[in-house]
């Protein structure tokens, strides 16, 4: 199933990005 093979990496990518954005919104880091 090629669709499932392409879907799993996307789910893993979103699960990794969501906590990062959540932490940045809670505790904003000013790089400038």
C-alpha atoms as a PDB file:
ATOM      1  CA  UNK A   1       0.000   0.000   0.000  1.00  0.00           C
ATOM      2  CA  UNK A   2       1.956   3.078  -1.209  1.00  0.00           C
ATOM      3  CA  UNK A   3      -0.488   5.462   0.445  1.00  0.00           C
ATOM      4  CA  UNK A   4       0.140   4.105   3.925  1.00  0.00           C
ATOM      5  CA  UNK A   5       3.889   4.186   3.332  1.00  0.00           C
ATOM      6  CA  UNK A   6       3.672   7.902   2.530  1.00  0.00           C
ATOM      7  CA  UNK A   7       1.231   8.595   5.338  1.00  0.00           C
ATOM      8  CA  UNK A   8       3.274   7.215   8.242  1.00  0.00           C
ATOM      9  CA  UNK A   9       6.248   9.607   7.818  1.00  0.00           C
ATOM     10  CA  UNK A  10       3.826  12.548   7.708  1.00  0.00           C
ATOM     11  CA  UNK A  11       2.159  11.464  10.959  1.00  0.00           C
ATOM     12  CA  UNK A  12       5.577  11.075  12.612  1.00  0.00           C
ATOM     13  CA  UNK A  13       6.625  14.514  11.297  1.00  0.00           C
ATOM     14  CA  UNK A  14       3.477  16.197  12.656  1.00  0.00           C
ATOM     15  CA  UNK A  15       3.825  14.471  16.036  1.00  0.00           C
ATOM     16  CA  UNK A  16       7.372  15.901  16.213  1.00  0.00           C
ATOM     17  CA  UNK A  17       6.432  19.430  15.101  1.00  0.00           C
ATOM     18  CA  UNK A  18       3.286  19.958  17.193  1.00  0.00           C
ATOM     19  CA  UNK A  19       5.120  19.861  20.587  1.00  0.00           C
ATOM     20  CA  UNK A  20       7.810  22.215  19.238  1.00  0.00           C
ATOM     21  CA  UNK A  21       5.251  24.854  18.181  1.00  0.00           C
ATOM     22  CA  UNK A  22       3.344  24.329  21.443  1.00  0.00           C
ATOM     23  CA  UNK A  23       6.461  24.996  23.523  1.00  0.00           C
ATOM     24  CA  UNK A  24       7.393  28.035  21.432  1.00  0.00           C
ATOM     25  CA  UNK A  25       3.897  29.529  21.834  1.00  0.00           C
ATOM     26  CA  UNK A  26       3.902  28.891  25.583  1.00  0.00           C
ATOM     27  CA  UNK A  27       7.420  30.203  26.108  1.00  0.00           C
ATOM     28  CA  UNK A  28       8.322  32.393  23.107  1.00  0.00           C
ATOM     29  CA  UNK A  29      12.058  32.531  22.383  1.00  0.00           C
ATOM     30  CA  UNK A  30      13.245  35.835  20.889  1.00  0.00           C
ATOM     31  CA  UNK A  31      16.250  35.116  18.673  1.00  0.00           C
ATOM     32  CA  UNK A  32      16.740  38.719  17.568  1.00  0.00           C
END
